[in-house]
Amino acid sequence: SGIGYEMAQQLAAKHYNLVLVARESDKLNAVKATLEQQHGIRVLVVAKDLSDTEQAMALYDEIKKEGVEISMLVNNAGVGIYGDFINTDLEAELRMIELNVSAVVVLSKLFVQDMVVRKRGRILNVASLLSFLPFPYYSVYSATKAFVLAFSETFAAELEGTGVQVLTLC
């Protein structure tokens, strides 16, 4: 939904084959059918909960088993929790950190290895305008997005000259 859906639409219109990932595959299968019919592309749907680091790692393994070569990784999965920090649910915030931070690191680490070998690829990490400043009532969310921005900038610098680009959407 949202940015992810729009990115899928834009990439499909440019005739990129896609791998779509979400916790549940029902909505993704509907998007798959539409994109394949409209654009004549191949769409692989994978159901994974990326807030579970083991499932993020398993996603990489599953894509490799399918023989799919990822030329562009879009780390868009994320969630925000609004409210006074002292009143928000700790477990929900820890899951948000796993999704917004750990999944980005895991997927970037695994997929970049193949991209560097091929000397080409792109990673797009979705951050937020809240990456640039602390924001009341989104304290943990804005911190996770600040991490994504800082990680992406330093990761991009490390990859200079490899043929792999890291971009950040804020």
Protein backbone atom coordinates (compact mmCIF):
# COMPACT_ATOMS: atom_id res chain seq x y z
CA SER A 1 0.00 0.00 0.00
CA GLY A 2 1.04 3.63 -0.08
CA ILE A 3 4.58 4.28 -1.26
CA GLY A 4 5.22 0.57 -1.88
CA TYR A 5 2.18 0.24 -4.12
CA GLU A 6 3.12 3.36 -6.08
CA MET A 7 6.72 2.17 -6.49
CA ALA A 8 5.50 -1.18 -7.76
CA GLN A 9 3.25 0.60 -10.27
CA GLN A 10 6.08 2.87 -11.47
CA LEU A 11 8.62 0.04 -11.79
CA ALA A 12 6.12 -2.23 -13.55
CA ALA A 13 5.38 0.55 -16.05
CA LYS A 14 9.12 0.56 -16.81
CA HIS A 15 8.89 -3.23 -17.38
CA TYR A 16 10.81 -4.35 -14.29
CA ASN A 17 9.91 -7.78 -12.97
CA LEU A 18 9.07 -7.51 -9.29
CA VAL A 19 9.25 -9.36 -6.00
CA LEU A 20 6.57 -8.08 -3.63
CA VAL A 21 6.85 -8.85 0.08
CA ALA A 22 4.39 -8.38 2.94
CA ARG A 23 3.17 -10.30 5.95
CA GLU A 24 0.11 -11.55 4.10
CA SER A 25 -0.05 -12.44 0.43
CA ASP A 26 -3.77 -11.81 -0.22
CA LYS A 27 -3.47 -8.14 -1.21
CA LEU A 28 -0.16 -8.79 -2.96
CA ASN A 29 -1.72 -11.47 -5.17
CA ALA A 30 -4.33 -8.97 -6.35
CA VAL A 31 -1.58 -6.43 -7.12
CA LYS A 32 0.41 -9.18 -8.86
CA ALA A 33 -2.49 -10.05 -11.15
CA THR A 34 -3.06 -6.42 -12.07
CA LEU A 35 0.60 -5.62 -12.74
CA GLU A 36 1.23 -8.77 -14.75
CA GLN A 37 -1.86 -8.15 -16.87
CA GLN A 38 -1.25 -4.42 -17.41
CA HIS A 39 2.48 -4.53 -18.00
CA GLY A 40 3.36 -8.08 -19.09
CA ILE A 41 5.91 -8.50 -16.31
CA ARG A 42 6.62 -11.34 -13.87
CA VAL A 43 5.71 -10.74 -10.23
CA LEU A 44 6.79 -13.04 -7.43
CA VAL A 45 4.82 -12.71 -4.18
CA VAL A 46 6.49 -13.72 -0.92
CA ALA A 47 4.76 -13.64 2.45
CA LYS A 48 7.24 -12.73 5.19
CA ASP A 49 7.06 -10.72 8.39
CA LEU A 50 10.15 -8.55 8.05
CA SER A 51 9.90 -7.46 11.68
CA ASP A 52 11.30 -10.95 12.37
CA THR A 53 15.00 -10.91 11.43
CA GLU A 54 14.97 -14.65 10.69
CA GLN A 55 12.17 -14.14 8.16
CA ALA A 56 14.12 -11.30 6.53
CA MET A 57 17.08 -13.68 6.12
CA ALA A 58 14.75 -16.40 4.85
CA LEU A 59 13.44 -13.96 2.22
CA TYR A 60 16.91 -13.73 0.70
CA ASP A 61 17.25 -17.52 0.69
CA GLU A 62 13.83 -17.97 -0.93
CA ILE A 63 14.58 -15.46 -3.68
CA LYS A 64 17.91 -17.15 -4.38
CA LYS A 65 16.17 -20.56 -4.59
CA GLU A 66 13.73 -19.09 -7.11
CA GLY A 67 16.70 -18.06 -9.26
CA VAL A 68 15.66 -14.41 -9.20
CA GLU A 69 18.40 -11.80 -9.63
CA ILE A 70 17.65 -8.62 -7.71
CA SER A 71 18.96 -5.57 -9.55
CA MET A 72 17.16 -3.06 -7.31
CA LEU A 73 16.28 -3.57 -3.66
CA VAL A 74 13.64 -1.24 -2.27
CA ASN A 75 13.61 -1.31 1.53
CA ASN A 76 10.20 0.21 2.03
CA ALA A 77 8.64 -1.90 4.79
CA GLY A 78 8.07 0.22 7.84
CA VAL A 79 5.65 1.29 10.49
CA GLY A 80 5.23 4.29 12.75
CA ILE A 81 3.82 4.51 16.26
CA TYR A 82 2.33 7.80 17.39
CA GLY A 83 1.97 8.84 20.99
CA ASP A 84 3.70 9.94 24.16
CA PHE A 85 6.76 7.74 24.57
CA ILE A 86 5.89 7.01 28.20
CA ASN A 87 2.48 5.66 27.11
CA THR A 88 3.26 3.73 23.92
CA ASP A 89 3.59 -0.05 23.88
CA LEU A 90 7.20 -1.23 24.34
CA GLU A 91 6.71 -4.51 22.46
CA ALA A 92 5.23 -2.65 19.49
CA GLU A 93 8.17 -0.25 19.50
CA LEU A 94 10.68 -3.11 19.58
CA ARG A 95 8.91 -4.72 16.59
CA MET A 96 9.04 -1.34 14.84
CA ILE A 97 12.80 -1.12 15.44
CA GLU A 98 13.23 -4.61 14.01
CA LEU A 99 11.21 -3.70 10.92
CA ASN A 100 12.43 -0.15 10.33
CA VAL A 101 16.10 -0.78 11.21
CA SER A 102 17.10 -4.44 11.40
CA ALA A 103 15.28 -5.50 8.23
CA VAL A 104 16.99 -2.69 6.28
CA VAL A 105 20.40 -3.83 7.52
CA VAL A 106 19.75 -7.54 6.95
CA LEU A 107 18.35 -7.16 3.44
CA SER A 108 20.96 -4.61 2.39
CA LYS A 109 23.79 -6.80 3.70
CA LEU A 110 22.55 -9.94 1.93
CA PHE A 111 21.53 -8.48 -1.43
CA VAL A 112 24.48 -6.10 -1.83
CA GLN A 113 26.88 -9.05 -1.86
CA ASP A 114 25.41 -10.28 -5.16
CA MET A 115 25.23 -6.76 -6.59
CA VAL A 116 28.91 -6.07 -5.89
CA VAL A 117 29.89 -9.33 -7.62
CA ARG A 118 27.85 -8.25 -10.69
CA LYS A 119 29.27 -4.70 -10.41
CA ARG A 120 25.81 -3.20 -10.66
CA GLY A 121 22.71 -2.67 -8.59
CA ARG A 122 20.70 -0.19 -6.61
CA ILE A 123 19.38 -0.10 -3.10
CA LEU A 124 16.66 2.39 -2.22
CA ASN A 125 16.06 2.80 1.49
CA VAL A 126 12.88 4.61 2.45
CA ALA A 127 13.44 6.98 5.36
CA SER A 128 11.29 10.02 6.15
CA LEU A 129 11.36 13.75 6.57
CA LEU A 130 11.47 12.85 10.25
CA SER A 131 14.99 11.51 9.60
CA PHE A 132 16.23 15.07 9.87
CA LEU A 133 14.78 16.09 13.21
CA PRO A 134 13.41 14.56 16.36
CA PHE A 135 9.65 14.78 16.29
CA PRO A 136 7.42 14.75 19.38
CA TYR A 137 5.02 11.82 19.63
CA TYR A 138 7.05 9.91 17.03
CA SER A 139 10.19 9.58 19.17
CA VAL A 140 11.12 5.98 18.31
CA TYR A 141 9.88 6.20 14.71
CA SER A 142 11.90 9.34 13.96
CA ALA A 143 14.95 7.69 15.57
CA THR A 144 14.58 4.63 13.33
CA LYS A 145 14.32 6.81 10.24
CA ALA A 146 17.36 8.85 11.32
CA PHE A 147 19.20 5.53 11.48
CA VAL A 148 18.07 4.62 7.96
CA LEU A 149 19.35 7.94 6.62
CA ALA A 150 22.73 7.77 8.42
CA PHE A 151 23.19 4.10 7.49
CA SER A 152 22.33 4.78 3.85
CA GLU A 153 24.71 7.72 3.55
CA THR A 154 27.68 5.84 5.00
CA PHE A 155 26.82 2.64 3.13
CA ALA A 156 26.68 4.61 -0.14
CA ALA A 157 30.13 6.08 0.56
CA GLU A 158 31.57 2.60 1.20
CA LEU A 159 30.19 1.35 -2.12
CA GLU A 160 31.68 4.12 -4.28
CA GLY A 161 33.35 2.61 -7.33
CA THR A 162 31.61 -0.77 -7.02
CA GLY A 163 28.81 -0.06 -9.50
CA VAL A 164 26.25 -0.30 -6.71
CA GLN A 165 24.30 2.80 -5.65
CA VAL A 166 22.49 3.41 -2.39
CA LEU A 167 19.76 6.04 -2.43
CA THR A 168 17.52 7.28 0.34
CA LEU A 169 13.97 8.54 -0.05
CA CYS A 170 13.07 11.03 2.65
